[in-house]
């Protein structure tokens, strides 16, 4: 939530990978599967001290973009901006650092930093003539920060090029627990930006209620979509006019199943992994000052006129 111009605009992110070549026609479709390898558990993620993560946030974020593509064409529909923190030689995803930021009340700071970078990306795309939107998933805690959503509206006032190019995603549980102030602020934003429901854990979405609040997209994990209630959820979202994004698509073999479900959008490493945004996109250099031309040497000196004469000419 691509045209040649949009593809050139997003040089920070490579074009989606082409479809895999067809299977060898000599082999029968019912060929026996390869023997299973013994299960080897992955090593547990290293637990980072809170101080290291907070220091990494203070030093700066890395922003990665991952495309959401249309099916079956695999054209870029929009990009999602993803935060990364570098701690030593490791690059941490939100799953590895958000809980620490929540404990220290720093998730709203993360969202503010990311929205500033999303603004720069949107400006870069607009300067290239692209209308491709950029999505960002807010932390649940930012909704309870007084005036946060109103500040988003002021951001769009300052940068009107973001209108129609920004998509904000809120977790499913946040959509279910909106208070009157939050609902009013989102209602004021719905005509200016896209809204999405993210982190769908329960397939029993109230799709008419979400559509009434202005939700245009719903991101649902692949396991949920291919599960028992996936087809019914896809139909319910389509009937409400909400475009479904199948996320976490890692295998080419799953793509035909998504197409069979008539899903409009998908995201995952099989199409393109997240790619880091070039630093010059996030911090464009200041334009060179234009020197004032020197007046010709033979020009007569300017004639001073009384302010009263200038005012008379003006009226």
Protein backbone atom coordinates (compact mmCIF):
# COMPACT_ATOMS: atom_id res chain seq x y z
CA UNK A 1 0.00 0.00 0.00
CA UNK A 2 5.45 -0.54 -10.37
CA UNK A 3 5.91 1.55 -12.84
CA UNK A 4 9.32 2.13 -14.39
CA UNK A 5 9.64 5.46 -12.57
CA UNK A 6 8.88 3.87 -9.20
CA UNK A 7 11.40 1.14 -9.83
CA UNK A 8 14.11 3.73 -10.54
CA UNK A 9 13.05 5.66 -7.40
CA UNK A 10 13.65 2.76 -5.10
CA UNK A 11 17.23 1.95 -6.05
CA UNK A 12 17.76 1.26 -2.35
CA UNK A 13 15.74 -1.90 -2.82
CA UNK A 14 16.41 -4.30 -5.71
CA UNK A 15 13.57 -5.40 -7.97
CA UNK A 16 11.65 -8.46 -6.78
CA UNK A 17 13.25 -11.75 -7.69
CA UNK A 18 11.90 -13.37 -10.87
CA UNK A 19 9.80 -16.47 -10.66
CA UNK A 20 11.70 -19.71 -10.22
CA UNK A 21 12.23 -21.78 -13.39
CA UNK A 22 9.73 -24.59 -13.96
CA UNK A 23 10.50 -27.97 -12.54
CA UNK A 24 12.36 -30.47 -14.73
CA UNK A 25 9.62 -32.06 -16.92
CA UNK A 26 11.49 -35.37 -16.97
CA UNK A 27 10.89 -35.95 -13.28
CA UNK A 28 7.40 -37.14 -12.31
CA UNK A 29 5.37 -34.77 -10.13
CA UNK A 30 4.90 -37.60 -7.65
CA UNK A 31 8.62 -38.08 -7.13
CA UNK A 32 9.48 -39.25 -3.64
CA UNK A 33 10.50 -36.42 -1.33
CA UNK A 34 14.05 -36.16 -0.18
CA UNK A 35 14.75 -37.89 3.14
CA UNK A 36 14.29 -35.67 6.14
CA UNK A 37 17.41 -34.41 7.83
CA UNK A 38 17.66 -34.87 11.57
CA UNK A 39 16.27 -31.93 13.50
CA UNK A 40 18.97 -29.65 14.83
CA UNK A 41 17.64 -26.83 17.02
CA UNK A 42 18.89 -23.37 16.17
CA UNK A 43 21.02 -21.73 18.84
CA UNK A 44 19.11 -19.38 21.07
CA UNK A 45 19.51 -15.72 20.28
CA UNK A 46 22.11 -14.03 22.44
CA UNK A 47 20.53 -11.95 25.17
CA UNK A 48 21.87 -8.42 24.92
CA UNK A 49 22.19 -6.21 27.99
CA UNK A 50 19.65 -3.41 28.09
CA UNK A 51 22.41 -0.81 28.21
CA UNK A 52 23.84 -2.01 24.87
CA UNK A 53 20.48 -1.77 23.13
CA UNK A 54 19.71 1.67 24.57
CA UNK A 55 23.15 2.89 23.52
CA UNK A 56 22.58 1.56 20.00
CA UNK A 57 19.29 3.46 19.80
CA UNK A 58 21.04 6.66 20.84
CA UNK A 59 23.74 6.15 18.20
CA UNK A 60 21.22 5.76 15.40
CA UNK A 61 19.05 3.35 13.49
CA UNK A 62 19.53 1.46 10.30
CA UNK A 63 16.45 1.50 8.09
CA UNK A 64 15.72 -1.40 5.78
CA UNK A 65 13.02 -1.58 3.13
CA UNK A 66 11.20 -4.71 2.06
CA UNK A 67 8.72 -4.62 -0.82
CA UNK A 68 5.15 -5.84 -0.71
CA UNK A 69 4.38 -7.22 -4.15
CA UNK A 70 1.21 -7.89 -6.12
CA UNK A 71 0.25 -11.41 -7.09
CA UNK A 72 0.76 -12.98 -9.52
CA UNK A 73 2.70 -10.15 -11.26
CA UNK A 74 5.17 -9.58 -8.39
CA UNK A 75 5.21 -5.85 -8.98
CA UNK A 76 6.00 -3.60 -6.03
CA UNK A 77 2.81 -2.26 -4.46
CA UNK A 78 4.49 -0.50 -1.54
CA UNK A 79 7.52 -0.77 0.73
CA UNK A 80 7.68 -1.46 4.45
CA UNK A 81 10.27 0.40 6.51
CA UNK A 82 11.90 -1.84 9.12
CA UNK A 83 14.06 -0.67 12.03
CA UNK A 84 17.38 -2.32 12.76
CA UNK A 85 19.83 -1.68 15.61
CA UNK A 86 23.50 -2.48 15.29
CA UNK A 87 25.04 -3.82 18.50
CA UNK A 88 28.67 -4.70 17.97
CA UNK A 89 28.83 -6.88 14.87
CA UNK A 90 25.19 -7.96 15.16
CA UNK A 91 22.24 -6.35 13.43
CA UNK A 92 19.15 -6.73 15.61
CA UNK A 93 15.56 -6.90 14.38
CA UNK A 94 12.66 -5.46 16.42
CA UNK A 95 11.91 -8.91 17.85
CA UNK A 96 15.30 -8.72 19.55
CA UNK A 97 15.14 -5.20 20.97
CA UNK A 98 11.55 -3.93 21.24
CA UNK A 99 10.90 -5.56 24.63
CA UNK A 100 13.90 -3.74 26.04
CA UNK A 101 12.63 -0.43 24.69
CA UNK A 102 9.18 -1.18 26.15
CA UNK A 103 10.67 -1.78 29.59
CA UNK A 104 12.40 1.59 29.46
CA UNK A 105 9.55 3.52 27.84
CA UNK A 106 11.52 4.21 24.66
CA UNK A 107 9.27 2.77 21.92
CA UNK A 108 7.73 6.15 21.11
CA UNK A 109 11.24 7.52 20.62
CA UNK A 110 11.86 4.67 18.16
CA UNK A 111 8.66 5.51 16.27
CA UNK A 112 9.54 9.21 16.06
CA UNK A 113 12.99 8.39 14.68
CA UNK A 114 11.53 5.98 12.15
CA UNK A 115 8.82 8.39 10.99
CA UNK A 116 11.49 11.01 10.34
CA UNK A 117 13.31 8.52 8.15
CA UNK A 118 10.13 7.40 6.41
CA UNK A 119 9.52 11.08 5.63
CA UNK A 120 12.94 11.31 3.98
CA UNK A 121 12.25 8.14 1.96
CA UNK A 122 8.87 9.48 0.86
CA UNK A 123 10.47 12.75 -0.22
CA UNK A 124 13.09 10.84 -2.19
CA UNK A 125 10.45 8.80 -3.99
CA UNK A 126 8.39 11.91 -4.70
CA UNK A 127 11.45 13.67 -6.14
CA UNK A 128 11.81 10.78 -8.59
CA UNK A 129 8.18 10.99 -9.65
CA UNK A 130 7.14 7.81 -7.82
CA UNK A 131 3.83 7.46 -6.01
CA UNK A 132 4.83 4.20 -4.30
CA UNK A 133 3.78 4.35 -0.61
CA UNK A 134 5.98 3.45 2.37
CA UNK A 135 4.48 1.62 5.36
CA UNK A 136 5.63 1.61 8.96
CA UNK A 137 4.23 -0.44 11.86
CA UNK A 138 3.79 1.65 15.01
CA UNK A 139 4.56 0.34 18.46
CA UNK A 140 1.41 -0.14 20.58
CA UNK A 141 2.72 2.21 23.27
CA UNK A 142 2.91 5.19 20.92
CA UNK A 143 -0.88 5.31 20.69
CA UNK A 144 -1.01 6.15 24.40
CA UNK A 145 1.55 8.93 24.11
CA UNK A 146 -0.49 12.16 24.44
CA UNK A 147 -0.76 13.89 21.10
CA UNK A 148 1.32 11.37 19.13
CA UNK A 149 -1.26 10.79 16.38
CA UNK A 150 -1.97 14.52 16.21
CA UNK A 151 1.76 15.02 15.66
CA UNK A 152 1.55 12.65 12.68
CA UNK A 153 -1.13 14.92 11.19
CA UNK A 154 1.15 17.95 11.70
CA UNK A 155 3.98 16.04 10.01
CA UNK A 156 1.82 15.65 6.91
CA UNK A 157 0.91 19.33 7.08
CA UNK A 158 4.62 20.14 6.96
CA UNK A 159 5.31 17.57 4.23
CA UNK A 160 2.23 17.40 1.99
CA UNK A 161 4.10 15.10 -0.39
CA UNK A 162 3.54 12.35 2.21
CA UNK A 163 -0.22 12.43 1.67
CA UNK A 164 -1.11 9.20 -0.07
CA UNK A 165 2.46 7.93 0.29
CA UNK A 166 2.41 6.92 3.98
CA UNK A 167 0.78 3.82 5.45
CA UNK A 168 0.62 3.39 9.23
CA UNK A 169 0.06 -0.10 10.58
CA UNK A 170 -1.30 -0.81 14.07
CA UNK A 171 -1.32 -4.23 15.75
CA UNK A 172 -4.59 -6.12 15.81
CA UNK A 173 -4.89 -5.73 19.57
CA UNK A 174 -4.47 -1.96 19.27
CA UNK A 175 -7.38 -1.69 16.82
CA UNK A 176 -9.51 -3.57 19.34
CA UNK A 177 -8.69 -1.26 22.24
CA UNK A 178 -8.84 2.23 20.73
CA UNK A 179 -10.19 4.89 23.06
CA UNK A 180 -12.25 7.85 21.87
CA UNK A 181 -9.26 10.18 21.43
CA UNK A 182 -7.26 7.64 19.44
CA UNK A 183 -10.23 6.78 17.24
CA UNK A 184 -10.86 10.47 16.55
CA UNK A 185 -7.20 11.09 15.60
CA UNK A 186 -7.15 8.09 13.27
CA UNK A 187 -10.41 9.20 11.70
CA UNK A 188 -8.81 12.56 10.91
CA UNK A 189 -5.86 10.78 9.28
CA UNK A 190 -7.76 8.25 7.20
CA UNK A 191 -8.31 10.59 4.25
CA UNK A 192 -4.62 11.53 4.11
CA UNK A 193 -2.71 8.29 4.70
CA UNK A 194 -3.26 4.56 4.43
CA UNK A 195 -4.11 2.52 7.52
CA UNK A 196 -3.36 -1.16 8.10
CA UNK A 197 -3.90 -3.85 10.70
CA UNK A 198 -0.67 -5.65 11.59
CA UNK A 199 0.34 -8.70 13.63
CA UNK A 200 -2.93 -10.54 13.16
CA UNK A 201 -2.95 -13.28 15.79
CA UNK A 202 -6.69 -14.07 15.71
CA UNK A 203 -8.26 -14.83 12.30
CA UNK A 204 -11.64 -13.76 13.68
CA UNK A 205 -11.24 -10.15 12.53
CA UNK A 206 -14.21 -7.82 12.62
CA UNK A 207 -13.60 -6.79 9.04
CA UNK A 208 -16.65 -4.48 8.67
CA UNK A 209 -15.59 -2.53 11.79
CA UNK A 210 -12.01 -2.23 10.50
CA UNK A 211 -13.22 -1.03 7.12
CA UNK A 212 -15.44 1.55 8.84
CA UNK A 213 -12.34 2.93 10.59
CA UNK A 214 -10.55 3.36 7.27
CA UNK A 215 -8.33 0.26 7.25
CA UNK A 216 -7.14 -0.51 3.73
CA UNK A 217 -4.67 -3.36 4.37
CA UNK A 218 -4.34 -6.36 6.67
CA UNK A 219 -1.05 -8.20 7.14
CA UNK A 220 -1.55 -11.87 7.98
CA UNK A 221 1.11 -14.52 8.50
CA UNK A 222 1.43 -17.33 6.00
CA UNK A 223 0.72 -20.04 8.58
CA UNK A 224 -2.61 -18.42 9.45
CA UNK A 225 -3.60 -18.04 5.81
CA UNK A 226 -2.82 -21.64 4.93
CA UNK A 227 -4.52 -22.89 8.08
CA UNK A 228 -8.08 -23.96 8.74
CA UNK A 229 -9.61 -20.47 8.68
CA UNK A 230 -7.35 -18.83 6.12
CA UNK A 231 -9.71 -19.04 3.15
CA UNK A 232 -12.66 -17.66 5.15
CA UNK A 233 -10.50 -14.78 6.43
CA UNK A 234 -9.39 -13.93 2.89
CA UNK A 235 -13.01 -13.85 1.70
CA UNK A 236 -14.12 -11.71 4.65
CA UNK A 237 -11.37 -9.15 4.06
CA UNK A 238 -12.08 -8.99 0.33
CA UNK A 239 -15.79 -8.42 0.96
CA UNK A 240 -14.92 -5.52 3.29
CA UNK A 241 -12.65 -3.95 0.67
CA UNK A 242 -9.48 -4.59 2.72
CA UNK A 243 -6.46 -5.80 0.74
CA UNK A 244 -4.77 -8.78 2.37
CA UNK A 245 -0.97 -9.00 2.56
CA UNK A 246 0.40 -12.50 3.09
CA UNK A 247 3.60 -11.96 5.08
CA UNK A 248 6.48 -14.27 5.83
CA UNK A 249 6.50 -16.00 2.45
CA UNK A 250 9.85 -17.77 2.39
CA UNK A 251 9.37 -20.64 -0.08
CA UNK A 252 8.59 -20.52 -3.78
CA UNK A 253 6.39 -23.61 -3.33
CA UNK A 254 3.92 -21.56 -1.22
CA UNK A 255 3.34 -18.90 -3.89
CA UNK A 256 0.93 -20.99 -6.04
CA UNK A 257 -1.19 -21.65 -2.95
CA UNK A 258 -1.48 -17.92 -2.31
CA UNK A 259 -2.45 -17.31 -5.94
CA UNK A 260 -5.06 -20.05 -5.68
CA UNK A 261 -6.53 -18.18 -2.71
CA UNK A 262 -6.75 -15.11 -4.98
CA UNK A 263 -4.66 -13.06 -2.53
CA UNK A 264 -3.72 -9.64 -3.91
CA UNK A 265 -0.44 -8.95 -2.07
CA UNK A 266 2.46 -10.81 -0.46
CA UNK A 267 5.75 -10.11 1.30
CA UNK A 268 8.71 -12.27 2.12
CA UNK A 269 12.27 -13.29 1.32
CA UNK A 270 11.13 -15.30 -1.70
CA UNK A 271 10.31 -11.99 -3.40
CA UNK A 272 13.03 -9.83 -1.83
CA UNK A 273 14.67 -9.71 1.60
CA UNK A 274 14.88 -6.40 3.46
CA UNK A 275 17.59 -4.14 2.06
CA UNK A 276 19.33 -1.28 3.81
CA UNK A 277 18.47 2.21 2.61
CA UNK A 278 21.37 4.23 1.26
CA UNK A 279 22.56 6.91 3.73
CA UNK A 280 22.21 9.70 1.16
CA UNK A 281 18.48 8.95 0.88
CA UNK A 282 17.97 9.44 4.62
CA UNK A 283 20.29 12.46 4.88
CA UNK A 284 20.36 14.17 1.50
CA UNK A 285 23.19 16.70 1.13
CA UNK A 286 22.29 20.34 1.39
CA UNK A 287 22.05 22.02 -2.00
CA UNK A 288 24.97 24.17 -3.08
CA UNK A 289 24.21 27.87 -2.64
CA UNK A 290 23.66 29.67 -5.90
CA UNK A 291 26.17 32.53 -6.20
CA UNK A 292 24.74 35.93 -6.98
CA UNK A 293 25.95 37.29 -10.32
CA UNK A 294 28.27 40.27 -10.20
CA UNK A 295 26.70 43.39 -11.73
CA UNK A 296 28.34 44.59 -14.94
CA UNK A 297 31.02 47.20 -14.35
CA UNK A 298 29.49 49.75 -16.71
CA UNK A 299 26.02 49.69 -15.11
CA UNK A 300 25.08 53.01 -13.53
CA UNK A 301 24.69 52.97 -9.77
CA UNK A 302 21.11 52.45 -8.55
CA UNK A 303 19.08 55.58 -8.05
CA UNK A 304 17.76 56.02 -4.57
CA UNK A 305 14.09 56.94 -4.36
CA UNK A 306 12.22 58.17 -1.38
CA UNK A 307 10.05 55.59 0.33
CA UNK A 308 7.00 57.78 -0.39
CA UNK A 309 7.73 57.53 -4.15
CA UNK A 310 8.07 53.75 -3.96
CA UNK A 311 4.78 53.48 -2.07
CA UNK A 312 3.05 55.69 -4.66
CA UNK A 313 4.26 53.38 -7.44
CA UNK A 314 3.05 50.32 -5.54
CA UNK A 315 -0.51 51.58 -5.26
